[in-house]
Amino acid sequence: MFGADFSYPQGKLYARETYLYKVFISQETRLTPSLLLWLQLLFRTPIKRQIIDKKNFRYETELLTSYRDALQQKIHEYQTKFFFNAHHGLEIISHTNSNNTPIKNQLLNTSFDVQSFIKDYTNNLTNLVLCATNDTTLNELEPAMETMFLTLQPFLLHLLKRNPEISINDVVSLAVTLIKKECAKIGM
């Protein structure tokens, strides 16, 4: 489950470019930097530093733990399997109920091959880069490549915002390179 993170892994704050950045930047002063405003928001309740192993730790608060517990309860109600990576957040224990119907059992036994999906996705991204280097416009893309392009749109807009001087073809190539680099880091 991606996006369900109820701790601050490695002590990192929220992602940049959220609406709060603009608010905190506008409120900061020499004596009250934006980082202090972030810390006041994030750690307004007592925090505990939880050691995972020699390299990994996380900060946990009472509020975040209650969010995690609520999600854990919701997962229990779904009667399905969820997989979590404790190194990227607070571990959640998943349970399945035994009162499954044949349809539920069929769904429970269906597995999703993440590695195969990531491999296919990155291969299609490579094809998209080839289209971009041939100066193919969005209207000229095959439907599959158009879909690939649309999956990248938020990331492309983020990169264009930070690098307004580069062409769309170069930003597509940059996005694909960065995505492949991140996939390689996690062994995909």
C-alpha atoms as a PDB file:
ATOM      1  CA  MET A   1       0.000   0.000   0.000  1.00  0.00           C
ATOM      2  CA  PHE A   2       1.741   3.131  -1.156  1.00  0.00           C
ATOM      3  CA  GLY A   3       1.011   6.439   0.493  1.00  0.00           C
ATOM      4  CA  ALA A   4      -0.104   5.018   3.830  1.00  0.00           C
ATOM      5  CA  ASP A   5       2.774   6.217   5.947  1.00  0.00           C
ATOM      6  CA  PHE A   6       2.099   7.073   9.548  1.00  0.00           C
ATOM      7  CA  SER A   7       5.587   7.950  10.670  1.00  0.00           C
ATOM      8  CA  TYR A   8       8.390  10.164   9.444  1.00  0.00           C
ATOM      9  CA  PRO A   9      11.007   7.750   8.038  1.00  0.00           C
ATOM     10  CA  GLN A  10      14.549   9.036   8.467  1.00  0.00           C
ATOM     11  CA  GLY A  11      13.023  12.085  10.136  1.00  0.00           C
ATOM     12  CA  LYS A  12      11.975  13.514   6.752  1.00  0.00           C
ATOM     13  CA  LEU A  13       9.135  16.018   6.569  1.00  0.00           C
ATOM     14  CA  TYR A  14       6.346  16.161   4.006  1.00  0.00           C
ATOM     15  CA  ALA A  15       7.175  16.398   0.301  1.00  0.00           C
ATOM     16  CA  ARG A  16       8.052  19.802  -1.076  1.00  0.00           C
ATOM     17  CA  GLU A  17       5.603  21.949  -3.021  1.00  0.00           C
ATOM     18  CA  THR A  18       2.581  21.253  -0.838  1.00  0.00           C
ATOM     19  CA  TYR A  19       0.326  24.209  -0.130  1.00  0.00           C
ATOM     20  CA  LEU A  20       1.828  24.452   3.344  1.00  0.00           C
ATOM     21  CA  TYR A  21       5.207  25.457   1.923  1.00  0.00           C
ATOM     22  CA  LYS A  22       3.725  28.628   0.472  1.00  0.00           C
ATOM     23  CA  VAL A  23       1.951  29.386   3.750  1.00  0.00           C
ATOM     24  CA  PHE A  24       5.034  28.800   5.879  1.00  0.00           C
ATOM     25  CA  ILE A  25       7.356  30.670   3.506  1.00  0.00           C
ATOM     26  CA  SER A  26       5.033  33.684   3.661  1.00  0.00           C
ATOM     27  CA  GLN A  27       4.954  33.545   7.480  1.00  0.00           C
ATOM     28  CA  GLU A  28       8.642  33.004   8.145  1.00  0.00           C
ATOM     29  CA  THR A  29      10.791  35.700   9.719  1.00  0.00           C
ATOM     30  CA  ARG A  30      14.416  35.920  10.707  1.00  0.00           C
ATOM     31  CA  LEU A  31      13.532  34.663  14.181  1.00  0.00           C
ATOM     32  CA  THR A  32      10.936  32.115  13.022  1.00  0.00           C
ATOM     33  CA  PRO A  33      12.216  30.217   9.969  1.00  0.00           C
ATOM     34  CA  SER A  34       9.849  28.040   7.954  1.00  0.00           C
ATOM     35  CA  LEU A  35      11.529  24.905   9.326  1.00  0.00           C
ATOM     36  CA  LEU A  36      10.442  25.895  12.832  1.00  0.00           C
ATOM     37  CA  LEU A  37       6.877  26.343  11.580  1.00  0.00           C
ATOM     38  CA  TRP A  38       7.030  22.846  10.067  1.00  0.00           C
ATOM     39  CA  LEU A  39       8.335  21.358  13.273  1.00  0.00           C
ATOM     40  CA  GLN A  40       5.619  23.048  15.302  1.00  0.00           C
ATOM     41  CA  LEU A  41       3.006  21.507  13.012  1.00  0.00           C
ATOM     42  CA  LEU A  42       4.509  18.057  12.691  1.00  0.00           C
ATOM     43  CA  PHE A  43       5.646  17.537  16.235  1.00  0.00           C
ATOM     44  CA  ARG A  44       2.960  19.347  18.186  1.00  0.00           C
ATOM     45  CA  THR A  45       2.546  16.189  20.243  1.00  0.00           C
ATOM     46  CA  PRO A  46       5.365  14.339  22.017  1.00  0.00           C
ATOM     47  CA  ILE A  47       7.537  12.376  19.614  1.00  0.00           C
ATOM     48  CA  LYS A  48       9.355   9.097  19.987  1.00  0.00           C
ATOM     49  CA  ARG A  49      12.303   8.085  17.860  1.00  0.00           C
ATOM     50  CA  GLN A  50      11.899   4.426  16.943  1.00  0.00           C
ATOM     51  CA  ILE A  51      15.024   2.547  15.832  1.00  0.00           C
ATOM     52  CA  ILE A  52      14.366  -0.012  13.086  1.00  0.00           C
ATOM     53  CA  ASP A  53      17.961  -1.174  12.568  1.00  0.00           C
ATOM     54  CA  LYS A  54      21.463   0.352  12.507  1.00  0.00           C
ATOM     55  CA  LYS A  55      20.692   2.576   9.505  1.00  0.00           C
ATOM     56  CA  ASN A  56      16.950   3.174   9.743  1.00  0.00           C
ATOM     57  CA  PHE A  57      14.789   5.007  12.227  1.00  0.00           C
ATOM     58  CA  ARG A  58      11.516   6.876  12.269  1.00  0.00           C
ATOM     59  CA  TYR A  59       9.727   9.433  14.379  1.00  0.00           C
ATOM     60  CA  GLU A  60       6.352   8.489  15.728  1.00  0.00           C
ATOM     61  CA  THR A  61       3.675  10.603  17.389  1.00  0.00           C
ATOM     62  CA  GLU A  62       0.492   9.697  19.205  1.00  0.00           C
ATOM     63  CA  LEU A  63      -1.616  11.181  16.405  1.00  0.00           C
ATOM     64  CA  LEU A  64       0.244   9.294  13.674  1.00  0.00           C
ATOM     65  CA  THR A  65      -0.049   6.071  15.648  1.00  0.00           C
ATOM     66  CA  SER A  66      -3.816   6.577  15.953  1.00  0.00           C
ATOM     67  CA  TYR A  67      -4.019   7.074  12.160  1.00  0.00           C
ATOM     68  CA  ARG A  68      -2.056   3.865  11.671  1.00  0.00           C
ATOM     69  CA  ASP A  69      -4.346   1.971  14.049  1.00  0.00           C
ATOM     70  CA  ALA A  70      -7.446   3.252  12.207  1.00  0.00           C
ATOM     71  CA  LEU A  71      -5.981   2.103   8.879  1.00  0.00           C
ATOM     72  CA  GLN A  72      -5.105  -1.251  10.391  1.00  0.00           C
ATOM     73  CA  GLN A  73      -8.716  -1.670  11.528  1.00  0.00           C
ATOM     74  CA  LYS A  74      -9.982  -0.719   8.042  1.00  0.00           C
ATOM     75  CA  ILE A  75      -7.626  -3.254   6.448  1.00  0.00           C
ATOM     76  CA  HIS A  76      -8.976  -5.929   8.771  1.00  0.00           C
ATOM     77  CA  GLU A  77     -12.497  -5.102   7.541  1.00  0.00           C
ATOM     78  CA  TYR A  78     -11.459  -5.498   3.870  1.00  0.00           C
ATOM     79  CA  GLN A  79     -10.590  -9.176   4.381  1.00  0.00           C
ATOM     80  CA  THR A  80      -7.673  -9.095   1.987  1.00  0.00           C
ATOM     81  CA  LYS A  81      -3.906  -9.277   2.059  1.00  0.00           C
ATOM     82  CA  PHE A  82      -1.777  -6.157   2.244  1.00  0.00           C
ATOM     83  CA  PHE A  83       1.998  -6.016   2.195  1.00  0.00           C
ATOM     84  CA  PHE A  84       4.010  -3.336   3.921  1.00  0.00           C
ATOM     85  CA  ASN A  85       7.634  -2.337   4.085  1.00  0.00           C
ATOM     86  CA  ALA A  86       8.556  -1.286   7.609  1.00  0.00           C
ATOM     87  CA  HIS A  87      11.739   0.431   6.389  1.00  0.00           C
ATOM     88  CA  HIS A  88       9.634   3.003   4.547  1.00  0.00           C
ATOM     89  CA  GLY A  89       7.221   3.718   7.347  1.00  0.00           C
ATOM     90  CA  LEU A  90       5.487   2.246  10.328  1.00  0.00           C
ATOM     91  CA  GLU A  91       4.724  -1.441   9.934  1.00  0.00           C
ATOM     92  CA  ILE A  92       1.069  -2.426   9.806  1.00  0.00           C
ATOM     93  CA  ILE A  93       0.001  -5.951  10.604  1.00  0.00           C
ATOM     94  CA  SER A  94      -2.494  -7.331   8.111  1.00  0.00           C
ATOM     95  CA  HIS A  95      -5.076  -9.977   8.965  1.00  0.00           C
ATOM     96  CA  THR A  96      -7.590 -11.844   6.857  1.00  0.00           C
ATOM     97  CA  ASN A  97     -10.919 -13.102   8.127  1.00  0.00           C
ATOM     98  CA  SER A  98     -11.801 -16.758   7.696  1.00  0.00           C
ATOM     99  CA  ASN A  99     -15.417 -16.230   6.567  1.00  0.00           C
ATOM    100  CA  ASN A 100     -14.536 -15.868   2.886  1.00  0.00           C
ATOM    101  CA  THR A 101     -16.919 -16.655   0.055  1.00  0.00           C
ATOM    102  CA  PRO A 102     -15.579 -18.422  -3.098  1.00  0.00           C
ATOM    103  CA  ILE A 103     -15.333 -15.048  -4.874  1.00  0.00           C
ATOM    104  CA  LYS A 104     -13.414 -13.552  -1.958  1.00  0.00           C
ATOM    105  CA  ASN A 105     -11.123 -16.609  -1.893  1.00  0.00           C
ATOM    106  CA  GLN A 106     -10.455 -16.183  -5.603  1.00  0.00           C
ATOM    107  CA  LEU A 107      -9.579 -12.531  -5.048  1.00  0.00           C
ATOM    108  CA  LEU A 108      -7.409 -13.370  -2.035  1.00  0.00           C
ATOM    109  CA  ASN A 109      -5.425 -15.925  -4.019  1.00  0.00           C
ATOM    110  CA  THR A 110      -4.821 -13.514  -6.882  1.00  0.00           C
ATOM    111  CA  SER A 111      -1.343 -12.122  -6.588  1.00  0.00           C
ATOM    112  CA  PHE A 112       0.039  -9.086  -8.320  1.00  0.00           C
ATOM    113  CA  ASP A 113       3.567  -9.412  -9.669  1.00  0.00           C
ATOM    114  CA  VAL A 114       4.984  -5.998  -8.841  1.00  0.00           C
ATOM    115  CA  GLN A 115       8.400  -6.715 -10.336  1.00  0.00           C
ATOM    116  CA  SER A 116       6.879  -7.736 -13.664  1.00  0.00           C
ATOM    117  CA  PHE A 117       4.668  -4.641 -13.649  1.00  0.00           C
ATOM    118  CA  ILE A 118       7.627  -2.323 -12.951  1.00  0.00           C
ATOM    119  CA  LYS A 119       9.720  -4.052 -15.634  1.00  0.00           C
ATOM    120  CA  ASP A 120       6.950  -3.663 -18.236  1.00  0.00           C
ATOM    121  CA  TYR A 121       6.346  -0.073 -17.160  1.00  0.00           C
ATOM    122  CA  THR A 122      10.013   0.922 -17.462  1.00  0.00           C
ATOM    123  CA  ASN A 123      10.281  -0.847 -20.841  1.00  0.00           C
ATOM    124  CA  ASN A 124       7.284   1.136 -22.069  1.00  0.00           C
ATOM    125  CA  LEU A 125       8.900   4.291 -20.703  1.00  0.00           C
ATOM    126  CA  THR A 126      11.932   3.533 -22.872  1.00  0.00           C
ATOM    127  CA  ASN A 127       9.627   3.322 -25.903  1.00  0.00           C
ATOM    128  CA  LEU A 128       8.101   6.645 -24.891  1.00  0.00           C
ATOM    129  CA  VAL A 129      11.567   8.232 -24.848  1.00  0.00           C
ATOM    130  CA  LEU A 130      12.126   6.920 -28.381  1.00  0.00           C
ATOM    131  CA  CYS A 131       8.876   8.596 -29.457  1.00  0.00           C
ATOM    132  CA  ALA A 132       9.961  11.826 -27.752  1.00  0.00           C
ATOM    133  CA  THR A 133      13.351  11.813 -29.484  1.00  0.00           C
ATOM    134  CA  ASN A 134      11.590  11.435 -32.847  1.00  0.00           C
ATOM    135  CA  ASP A 135       9.611  14.638 -32.102  1.00  0.00           C
ATOM    136  CA  THR A 136       6.321  12.764 -32.019  1.00  0.00           C
ATOM    137  CA  THR A 137       3.496  14.957 -30.735  1.00  0.00           C
ATOM    138  CA  LEU A 138       0.962  13.741 -28.181  1.00  0.00           C
ATOM    139  CA  ASN A 139      -1.696  13.483 -30.906  1.00  0.00           C
ATOM    140  CA  GLU A 140       0.576  11.201 -32.940  1.00  0.00           C
ATOM    141  CA  LEU A 141       1.284   8.742 -30.121  1.00  0.00           C
ATOM    142  CA  GLU A 142      -0.207   5.268 -30.186  1.00  0.00           C
ATOM    143  CA  PRO A 143      -2.886   4.804 -27.500  1.00  0.00           C
ATOM    144  CA  ALA A 144      -0.544   2.735 -25.294  1.00  0.00           C
ATOM    145  CA  MET A 145       2.186   5.381 -25.474  1.00  0.00           C
ATOM    146  CA  GLU A 146      -0.337   8.153 -24.868  1.00  0.00           C
ATOM    147  CA  THR A 147      -1.406   6.342 -21.691  1.00  0.00           C
ATOM    148  CA  MET A 148       2.250   6.057 -20.636  1.00  0.00           C
ATOM    149  CA  PHE A 149       2.695   9.776 -21.226  1.00  0.00           C
ATOM    150  CA  LEU A 150      -0.389  10.555 -19.135  1.00  0.00           C
ATOM    151  CA  THR A 151       0.981   8.521 -16.206  1.00  0.00           C
ATOM    152  CA  LEU A 152       4.019  10.785 -16.243  1.00  0.00           C
ATOM    153  CA  GLN A 153       2.161  14.091 -16.468  1.00  0.00           C
ATOM    154  CA  PRO A 154       2.328  15.135 -12.793  1.00  0.00           C
ATOM    155  CA  PHE A 155       6.037  14.322 -12.656  1.00  0.00           C
ATOM    156  CA  LEU A 156       6.690  16.061 -15.985  1.00  0.00           C
ATOM    157  CA  LEU A 157       4.918  19.205 -14.778  1.00  0.00           C
ATOM    158  CA  HIS A 158       6.974  19.135 -11.592  1.00  0.00           C
ATOM    159  CA  LEU A 159      10.207  18.844 -13.599  1.00  0.00           C
ATOM    160  CA  LEU A 160       9.133  21.578 -16.037  1.00  0.00           C
ATOM    161  CA  LYS A 161       8.330  23.884 -13.135  1.00  0.00           C
ATOM    162  CA  ARG A 162      11.843  23.397 -11.772  1.00  0.00           C
ATOM    163  CA  ASN A 163      13.503  23.492 -15.217  1.00  0.00           C
ATOM    164  CA  PRO A 164      11.391  25.773 -17.457  1.00  0.00           C
ATOM    165  CA  GLU A 165      14.194  26.184 -19.978  1.00  0.00           C
ATOM    166  CA  ILE A 166      14.305  22.557 -21.163  1.00  0.00           C
ATOM    167  CA  SER A 167      12.176  21.099 -23.959  1.00  0.00           C
ATOM    168  CA  ILE A 168       9.339  18.643 -23.393  1.00  0.00           C
ATOM    169  CA  ASN A 169      11.383  15.910 -25.095  1.00  0.00           C
ATOM    170  CA  ASP A 170      14.274  16.507 -22.716  1.00  0.00           C
ATOM    171  CA  VAL A 171      11.972  16.561 -19.701  1.00  0.00           C
ATOM    172  CA  VAL A 172      10.441  13.212 -20.769  1.00  0.00           C
ATOM    173  CA  SER A 173      13.939  11.744 -21.063  1.00  0.00           C
ATOM    174  CA  LEU A 174      14.894  13.192 -17.671  1.00  0.00           C
ATOM    175  CA  ALA A 175      11.737  11.817 -16.025  1.00  0.00           C
ATOM    176  CA  VAL A 176      12.313   8.340 -17.435  1.00  0.00           C
ATOM    177  CA  THR A 177      15.956   8.390 -16.340  1.00  0.00           C
ATOM    178  CA  LEU A 178      14.997   9.416 -12.807  1.00  0.00           C
ATOM    179  CA  ILE A 179      12.238   6.793 -12.580  1.00  0.00           C
ATOM    180  CA  LYS A 180      14.561   4.033 -13.795  1.00  0.00           C
ATOM    181  CA  LYS A 181      17.204   5.163 -11.301  1.00  0.00           C
ATOM    182  CA  GLU A 182      14.691   4.952  -8.427  1.00  0.00           C
ATOM    183  CA  CYS A 183      13.483   1.526  -9.602  1.00  0.00           C
ATOM    184  CA  ALA A 184      17.086   0.295  -9.721  1.00  0.00           C
ATOM    185  CA  LYS A 185      17.653   1.542  -6.155  1.00  0.00           C
ATOM    186  CA  ILE A 186      14.883  -0.686  -4.838  1.00  0.00           C
ATOM    187  CA  GLY A 187      15.945  -3.628  -6.975  1.00  0.00           C
ATOM    188  CA  MET A 188      13.193  -3.490  -9.579  1.00  0.00           C
END
